[in-house]
Amino acid sequence: MKNKILITGYFFFLLSYTLSAQEKKVPEKEIISDEVLVDSVQVASKPIDPLSPAKAAFYSAILPGLGQAYNKKYWKIPLVYGAIGTGVYFYINNTQEYNRYRDAYKSRLAGFETDEFYFDAQGNKLTSPRVTTEGLQRGQKFYRRNRELSLLVLIGMYALNIIDANVDAHLLQFNVDENLSLNPHYELNNIDARGNLGLSLNFKF
C-alpha cells in the first residue's frame, strides 16, 4: 500500500515537472532575433531649392558671369567674359569699318573727292581713289553682313551664359548618391521568424 502511494506521488511529480518545463519552453519559431532590422538605407541629402535655377539665370541675365558666381563655378567667369568680349570686339570693329565705307560713299555721291580713300598713308592726294565707288558699295555690304553676324554671335553668347547658369544650378541639386535607387535591405519574416535578404530598386519622378 505504501509503495503504491509512493509510486503514485512520484508519477504526479514527474507529470507536473514535465508540464512546467513545457510551459517555460518557447517554440523555436517564436524566438525573435535581436538583430537590427534594416528596411532601407536612408541617406540625408541637401535641401532642394526649386528657385535656385531661376535665380542663377536671373543673375546671369543682369550681369554675365554673376549666375556662375552664384553657383560657385568661378572658373567659368573668365570663359563667359572671353566669349562675350570677342563678340563685342567684332561687332564694334565691323561697325566702324561699315561707317568708314558708308561715309566715303555718301561723300562720293555728293560729288566730293575728299574721302580718306583719295589720300595715301602720308596724306597726299591721289589722282584716283584707292577704292572705287563700286568697291565702297561692296565694302558696305560686306561689313554690314559681318556686323549682323557679330551681333548674332554676341546674343548667342549672352543667352548661352544664362542657360549655362540655369543648367548648372539644376545639376548641383541633382542627387547622385549611390544609394539613391538601389538599396539592400534585411527584414524579419513575421510567420517563421527567419531573416530575409533583399534588394530594392526605386524610381522617383
C-alpha atoms as a PDB file:
ATOM      1  CA  MET A   1       0.000   0.000   0.000  1.00  0.00           C
ATOM      2  CA  LYS A   2       2.814   2.372   0.955  1.00  0.00           C
ATOM      3  CA  ASN A   3       4.649   1.506  -2.258  1.00  0.00           C
ATOM      4  CA  LYS A   4       1.600   2.325  -4.368  1.00  0.00           C
ATOM      5  CA  ILE A   5       1.278   5.718  -2.691  1.00  0.00           C
ATOM      6  CA  LEU A   6       4.970   6.458  -3.308  1.00  0.00           C
ATOM      7  CA  ILE A   7       4.756   5.365  -6.944  1.00  0.00           C
ATOM      8  CA  THR A   8       1.608   7.436  -7.485  1.00  0.00           C
ATOM      9  CA  GLY A   9       3.206  10.500  -5.846  1.00  0.00           C
ATOM     10  CA  TYR A  10       6.360  10.098  -7.890  1.00  0.00           C
ATOM     11  CA  PHE A  11       4.284   9.809 -11.089  1.00  0.00           C
ATOM     12  CA  PHE A  12       2.379  13.038 -10.334  1.00  0.00           C
ATOM     13  CA  PHE A  13       5.665  14.783  -9.515  1.00  0.00           C
ATOM     14  CA  LEU A  14       7.140  13.826 -12.904  1.00  0.00           C
ATOM     15  CA  LEU A  15       3.939  14.852 -14.685  1.00  0.00           C
ATOM     16  CA  SER A  16       3.828  18.274 -13.034  1.00  0.00           C
ATOM     17  CA  TYR A  17       7.550  18.848 -13.729  1.00  0.00           C
ATOM     18  CA  THR A  18       7.075  17.941 -17.402  1.00  0.00           C
ATOM     19  CA  LEU A  19       4.108  20.303 -17.793  1.00  0.00           C
ATOM     20  CA  SER A  20       6.052  23.090 -16.059  1.00  0.00           C
ATOM     21  CA  ALA A  21       9.034  22.594 -18.367  1.00  0.00           C
ATOM     22  CA  GLN A  22       6.788  22.672 -21.423  1.00  0.00           C
ATOM     23  CA  GLU A  23       5.252  25.964 -20.286  1.00  0.00           C
ATOM     24  CA  LYS A  24       8.688  27.530 -19.907  1.00  0.00           C
ATOM     25  CA  LYS A  25       9.935  26.268 -23.270  1.00  0.00           C
ATOM     26  CA  VAL A  26       9.333  28.757 -26.106  1.00  0.00           C
ATOM     27  CA  PRO A  27       8.778  27.323 -29.588  1.00  0.00           C
ATOM     28  CA  GLU A  28      11.697  27.868 -31.897  1.00  0.00           C
ATOM     29  CA  LYS A  29       9.518  29.626 -34.443  1.00  0.00           C
ATOM     30  CA  GLU A  30       8.573  32.315 -31.912  1.00  0.00           C
ATOM     31  CA  ILE A  31      12.161  33.223 -30.999  1.00  0.00           C
ATOM     32  CA  ILE A  32      12.891  36.696 -32.329  1.00  0.00           C
ATOM     33  CA  SER A  33      16.411  37.563 -33.146  1.00  0.00           C
ATOM     34  CA  ASP A  34      17.993  40.615 -31.581  1.00  0.00           C
ATOM     35  CA  GLU A  35      19.477  41.597 -34.927  1.00  0.00           C
ATOM     36  CA  VAL A  36      18.769  45.112 -36.079  1.00  0.00           C
ATOM     37  CA  LEU A  37      16.107  45.293 -38.749  1.00  0.00           C
ATOM     38  CA  VAL A  38      17.140  47.438 -41.692  1.00  0.00           C
ATOM     39  CA  ASP A  39      14.388  48.010 -44.211  1.00  0.00           C
ATOM     40  CA  SER A  40      16.156  50.530 -46.391  1.00  0.00           C
ATOM     41  CA  VAL A  41      19.161  52.768 -46.422  1.00  0.00           C
ATOM     42  CA  GLN A  42      18.238  56.369 -45.819  1.00  0.00           C
ATOM     43  CA  VAL A  43      20.789  58.985 -46.791  1.00  0.00           C
ATOM     44  CA  ALA A  44      20.395  62.575 -45.741  1.00  0.00           C
ATOM     45  CA  SER A  45      20.530  64.904 -48.696  1.00  0.00           C
ATOM     46  CA  LYS A  46      20.825  68.640 -49.020  1.00  0.00           C
ATOM     47  CA  PRO A  47      17.567  70.550 -49.137  1.00  0.00           C
ATOM     48  CA  ILE A  48      16.470  71.384 -52.672  1.00  0.00           C
ATOM     49  CA  ASP A  49      15.728  74.996 -53.524  1.00  0.00           C
ATOM     50  CA  PRO A  50      13.367  74.982 -56.542  1.00  0.00           C
ATOM     51  CA  LEU A  51      14.043  78.681 -57.154  1.00  0.00           C
ATOM     52  CA  SER A  52      17.819  78.263 -57.373  1.00  0.00           C
ATOM     53  CA  PRO A  53      17.961  77.683 -61.184  1.00  0.00           C
ATOM     54  CA  ALA A  54      15.705  80.692 -61.786  1.00  0.00           C
ATOM     55  CA  LYS A  55      17.884  82.845 -59.524  1.00  0.00           C
ATOM     56  CA  ALA A  56      21.062  81.774 -61.309  1.00  0.00           C
ATOM     57  CA  ALA A  57      19.523  82.544 -64.711  1.00  0.00           C
ATOM     58  CA  PHE A  58      18.240  85.911 -63.482  1.00  0.00           C
ATOM     59  CA  TYR A  59      21.639  86.908 -62.099  1.00  0.00           C
ATOM     60  CA  SER A  60      23.359  85.966 -65.365  1.00  0.00           C
ATOM     61  CA  ALA A  61      20.788  87.970 -67.304  1.00  0.00           C
ATOM     62  CA  ILE A  62      21.530  91.060 -65.191  1.00  0.00           C
ATOM     63  CA  LEU A  63      25.306  90.661 -65.316  1.00  0.00           C
ATOM     64  CA  PRO A  64      27.050  87.923 -67.334  1.00  0.00           C
ATOM     65  CA  GLY A  65      29.049  85.681 -65.026  1.00  0.00           C
ATOM     66  CA  LEU A  66      27.041  86.545 -61.925  1.00  0.00           C
ATOM     67  CA  GLY A  67      24.993  83.350 -62.208  1.00  0.00           C
ATOM     68  CA  GLN A  68      28.199  81.310 -62.425  1.00  0.00           C
ATOM     69  CA  ALA A  69      29.421  83.038 -59.256  1.00  0.00           C
ATOM     70  CA  TYR A  70      26.091  82.200 -57.593  1.00  0.00           C
ATOM     71  CA  ASN A  71      26.681  78.531 -58.498  1.00  0.00           C
ATOM     72  CA  LYS A  72      30.271  78.813 -57.200  1.00  0.00           C
ATOM     73  CA  LYS A  73      31.644  77.916 -60.636  1.00  0.00           C
ATOM     74  CA  TYR A  74      34.136  80.786 -60.590  1.00  0.00           C
ATOM     75  CA  TRP A  75      36.399  79.217 -63.213  1.00  0.00           C
ATOM     76  CA  LYS A  76      33.671  79.756 -65.824  1.00  0.00           C
ATOM     77  CA  ILE A  77      33.544  83.540 -65.358  1.00  0.00           C
ATOM     78  CA  PRO A  78      36.677  84.246 -67.496  1.00  0.00           C
ATOM     79  CA  LEU A  79      35.255  81.999 -70.230  1.00  0.00           C
ATOM     80  CA  VAL A  80      31.966  83.900 -70.195  1.00  0.00           C
ATOM     81  CA  TYR A  81      33.652  87.284 -70.473  1.00  0.00           C
ATOM     82  CA  GLY A  82      36.095  85.990 -73.066  1.00  0.00           C
ATOM     83  CA  ALA A  83      33.278  84.747 -75.312  1.00  0.00           C
ATOM     84  CA  ILE A  84      31.112  87.840 -74.880  1.00  0.00           C
ATOM     85  CA  GLY A  85      34.119  90.153 -75.194  1.00  0.00           C
ATOM     86  CA  THR A  86      35.081  88.531 -78.501  1.00  0.00           C
ATOM     87  CA  GLY A  87      31.570  89.100 -79.850  1.00  0.00           C
ATOM     88  CA  VAL A  88      31.642  92.733 -78.714  1.00  0.00           C
ATOM     89  CA  TYR A  89      35.053  93.307 -80.334  1.00  0.00           C
ATOM     90  CA  PHE A  90      33.995  92.015 -83.745  1.00  0.00           C
ATOM     91  CA  TYR A  91      30.696  93.878 -83.592  1.00  0.00           C
ATOM     92  CA  ILE A  92      32.427  97.192 -82.848  1.00  0.00           C
ATOM     93  CA  ASN A  93      35.155  96.600 -85.447  1.00  0.00           C
ATOM     94  CA  ASN A  94      32.689  95.749 -88.234  1.00  0.00           C
ATOM     95  CA  THR A  95      30.517  98.736 -87.300  1.00  0.00           C
ATOM     96  CA  GLN A  96      33.496 101.085 -87.588  1.00  0.00           C
ATOM     97  CA  GLU A  97      34.517  99.670 -90.961  1.00  0.00           C
ATOM     98  CA  TYR A  98      30.943  99.885 -92.226  1.00  0.00           C
ATOM     99  CA  ASN A  99      30.755 103.545 -91.169  1.00  0.00           C
ATOM    100  CA  ARG A 100      34.023 104.314 -92.976  1.00  0.00           C
ATOM    101  CA  TYR A 101      32.786 102.912 -96.276  1.00  0.00           C
ATOM    102  CA  ARG A 102      29.338 104.449 -95.852  1.00  0.00           C
ATOM    103  CA  ASP A 103      30.715 107.939 -95.142  1.00  0.00           C
ATOM    104  CA  ALA A 104      33.079 107.727 -98.121  1.00  0.00           C
ATOM    105  CA  TYR A 105      30.231 106.544-100.344  1.00  0.00           C
ATOM    106  CA  LYS A 106      27.973 109.419 -99.261  1.00  0.00           C
ATOM    107  CA  SER A 107      30.811 111.863 -99.952  1.00  0.00           C
ATOM    108  CA  ARG A 108      31.234 110.435-103.456  1.00  0.00           C
ATOM    109  CA  LEU A 109      27.516 110.721-104.147  1.00  0.00           C
ATOM    110  CA  ALA A 110      27.656 114.362-103.108  1.00  0.00           C
ATOM    111  CA  GLY A 111      30.402 114.964-105.689  1.00  0.00           C
ATOM    112  CA  PHE A 112      33.299 115.413-103.276  1.00  0.00           C
ATOM    113  CA  GLU A 113      36.753 113.890-103.618  1.00  0.00           C
ATOM    114  CA  THR A 114      37.773 114.381-100.022  1.00  0.00           C
ATOM    115  CA  ASP A 115      37.131 110.972 -98.510  1.00  0.00           C
ATOM    116  CA  GLU A 116      40.013 109.070 -96.940  1.00  0.00           C
ATOM    117  CA  PHE A 117      40.422 106.770 -99.934  1.00  0.00           C
ATOM    118  CA  TYR A 118      41.552 109.695-102.091  1.00  0.00           C
ATOM    119  CA  PHE A 119      44.694 110.060 -99.965  1.00  0.00           C
ATOM    120  CA  ASP A 120      47.710 107.839 -99.347  1.00  0.00           C
ATOM    121  CA  ALA A 121      49.244 106.959 -95.980  1.00  0.00           C
ATOM    122  CA  GLN A 122      51.233 110.205 -95.957  1.00  0.00           C
ATOM    123  CA  GLY A 123      48.144 112.319 -96.666  1.00  0.00           C
ATOM    124  CA  ASN A 124      48.981 113.097-100.298  1.00  0.00           C
ATOM    125  CA  LYS A 125      46.086 113.491-102.719  1.00  0.00           C
ATOM    126  CA  LEU A 126      45.820 110.716-105.292  1.00  0.00           C
ATOM    127  CA  THR A 127      44.703 111.112-108.869  1.00  0.00           C
ATOM    128  CA  SER A 128      42.377 108.140-108.492  1.00  0.00           C
ATOM    129  CA  PRO A 129      40.940 106.758-105.229  1.00  0.00           C
ATOM    130  CA  ARG A 130      42.296 103.589-103.689  1.00  0.00           C
ATOM    131  CA  VAL A 131      38.753 102.206-103.516  1.00  0.00           C
ATOM    132  CA  THR A 132      36.270 102.797-106.298  1.00  0.00           C
ATOM    133  CA  THR A 133      32.642 103.765-105.757  1.00  0.00           C
ATOM    134  CA  GLU A 134      31.563 100.223-106.561  1.00  0.00           C
ATOM    135  CA  GLY A 135      34.166  98.997-104.082  1.00  0.00           C
ATOM    136  CA  LEU A 136      32.614 101.239-101.419  1.00  0.00           C
ATOM    137  CA  GLN A 137      29.226  99.663-102.077  1.00  0.00           C
ATOM    138  CA  ARG A 138      30.665  96.172-101.792  1.00  0.00           C
ATOM    139  CA  GLY A 139      32.517  97.155 -98.637  1.00  0.00           C
ATOM    140  CA  GLN A 140      29.307  98.419 -97.047  1.00  0.00           C
ATOM    141  CA  LYS A 141      27.508  95.155 -97.782  1.00  0.00           C
ATOM    142  CA  PHE A 142      30.425  93.069 -96.524  1.00  0.00           C
ATOM    143  CA  TYR A 143      30.838  94.862 -93.206  1.00  0.00           C
ATOM    144  CA  ARG A 144      27.097  95.207 -92.653  1.00  0.00           C
ATOM    145  CA  ARG A 145      26.715  91.440 -93.035  1.00  0.00           C
ATOM    146  CA  ASN A 146      29.660  90.815 -90.700  1.00  0.00           C
ATOM    147  CA  ARG A 147      28.239  93.248 -88.167  1.00  0.00           C
ATOM    148  CA  GLU A 148      24.928  91.406 -88.156  1.00  0.00           C
ATOM    149  CA  LEU A 149      26.695  88.080 -87.736  1.00  0.00           C
ATOM    150  CA  SER A 150      28.752  89.508 -84.878  1.00  0.00           C
ATOM    151  CA  LEU A 151      25.570  90.707 -83.212  1.00  0.00           C
ATOM    152  CA  LEU A 152      24.017  87.247 -83.524  1.00  0.00           C
ATOM    153  CA  VAL A 153      27.141  85.672 -82.025  1.00  0.00           C
ATOM    154  CA  LEU A 154      27.083  88.193 -79.187  1.00  0.00           C
ATOM    155  CA  ILE A 155      23.419  87.481 -78.434  1.00  0.00           C
ATOM    156  CA  GLY A 156      24.128  83.741 -78.618  1.00  0.00           C
ATOM    157  CA  MET A 157      26.999  84.017 -76.130  1.00  0.00           C
ATOM    158  CA  TYR A 158      24.826  86.090 -73.796  1.00  0.00           C
ATOM    159  CA  ALA A 159      21.997  83.520 -73.992  1.00  0.00           C
ATOM    160  CA  LEU A 160      24.465  80.649 -73.515  1.00  0.00           C
ATOM    161  CA  ASN A 161      25.740  82.329 -70.372  1.00  0.00           C
ATOM    162  CA  ILE A 162      22.172  82.365 -68.970  1.00  0.00           C
ATOM    163  CA  ILE A 163      21.461  78.763 -70.000  1.00  0.00           C
ATOM    164  CA  ASP A 164      24.743  77.540 -68.510  1.00  0.00           C
ATOM    165  CA  ALA A 165      23.964  79.147 -65.146  1.00  0.00           C
ATOM    166  CA  ASN A 166      20.462  77.659 -65.136  1.00  0.00           C
ATOM    167  CA  VAL A 167      21.605  74.132 -66.048  1.00  0.00           C
ATOM    168  CA  ASP A 168      24.451  74.228 -63.528  1.00  0.00           C
ATOM    169  CA  ALA A 169      22.028  75.199 -60.756  1.00  0.00           C
ATOM    170  CA  HIS A 170      19.815  72.231 -61.709  1.00  0.00           C
ATOM    171  CA  LEU A 171      22.733  69.782 -61.719  1.00  0.00           C
ATOM    172  CA  LEU A 172      24.061  71.000 -58.375  1.00  0.00           C
ATOM    173  CA  GLN A 173      20.766  69.910 -56.769  1.00  0.00           C
ATOM    174  CA  PHE A 174      20.654  66.553 -58.525  1.00  0.00           C
ATOM    175  CA  ASN A 175      21.084  63.698 -56.034  1.00  0.00           C
ATOM    176  CA  VAL A 176      23.794  61.384 -57.333  1.00  0.00           C
ATOM    177  CA  ASP A 177      24.156  59.325 -54.148  1.00  0.00           C
ATOM    178  CA  GLU A 178      24.985  55.642 -54.728  1.00  0.00           C
ATOM    179  CA  ASN A 179      22.097  54.557 -52.509  1.00  0.00           C
ATOM    180  CA  LEU A 180      19.541  56.635 -54.350  1.00  0.00           C
ATOM    181  CA  SER A 181      17.862  53.911 -56.381  1.00  0.00           C
ATOM    182  CA  LEU A 182      19.410  50.552 -55.423  1.00  0.00           C
ATOM    183  CA  ASN A 183      19.094  49.677 -51.718  1.00  0.00           C
ATOM    184  CA  PRO A 184      19.943  46.396 -49.953  1.00  0.00           C
ATOM    185  CA  HIS A 185      17.628  45.558 -47.070  1.00  0.00           C
ATOM    186  CA  TYR A 186      17.159  42.920 -44.357  1.00  0.00           C
ATOM    187  CA  GLU A 187      13.771  42.126 -42.922  1.00  0.00           C
ATOM    188  CA  LEU A 188      12.330  39.617 -40.480  1.00  0.00           C
ATOM    189  CA  ASN A 189       9.588  37.278 -41.658  1.00  0.00           C
ATOM    190  CA  ASN A 190       6.693  37.504 -39.171  1.00  0.00           C
ATOM    191  CA  ILE A 191       5.496  33.967 -39.996  1.00  0.00           C
ATOM    192  CA  ASP A 192       8.574  31.833 -39.418  1.00  0.00           C
ATOM    193  CA  ALA A 193      10.811  34.432 -37.675  1.00  0.00           C
ATOM    194  CA  ARG A 194      13.512  33.993 -40.290  1.00  0.00           C
ATOM    195  CA  GLY A 195      15.604  36.743 -41.776  1.00  0.00           C
ATOM    196  CA  ASN A 196      15.161  37.659 -45.436  1.00  0.00           C
ATOM    197  CA  LEU A 197      17.741  39.455 -47.547  1.00  0.00           C
ATOM    198  CA  GLY A 198      16.608  41.534 -50.475  1.00  0.00           C
ATOM    199  CA  LEU A 199      17.399  44.314 -52.908  1.00  0.00           C
ATOM    200  CA  SER A 200      15.004  47.127 -53.746  1.00  0.00           C
ATOM    201  CA  LEU A 201      15.089  49.300 -56.865  1.00  0.00           C
ATOM    202  CA  ASN A 202      13.249  52.620 -56.574  1.00  0.00           C
ATOM    203  CA  PHE A 203      12.379  55.167 -59.225  1.00  0.00           C
ATOM    204  CA  LYS A 204      11.112  58.618 -58.302  1.00  0.00           C
ATOM    205  CA  PHE A 205       9.721  61.022 -60.881  1.00  0.00           C
END
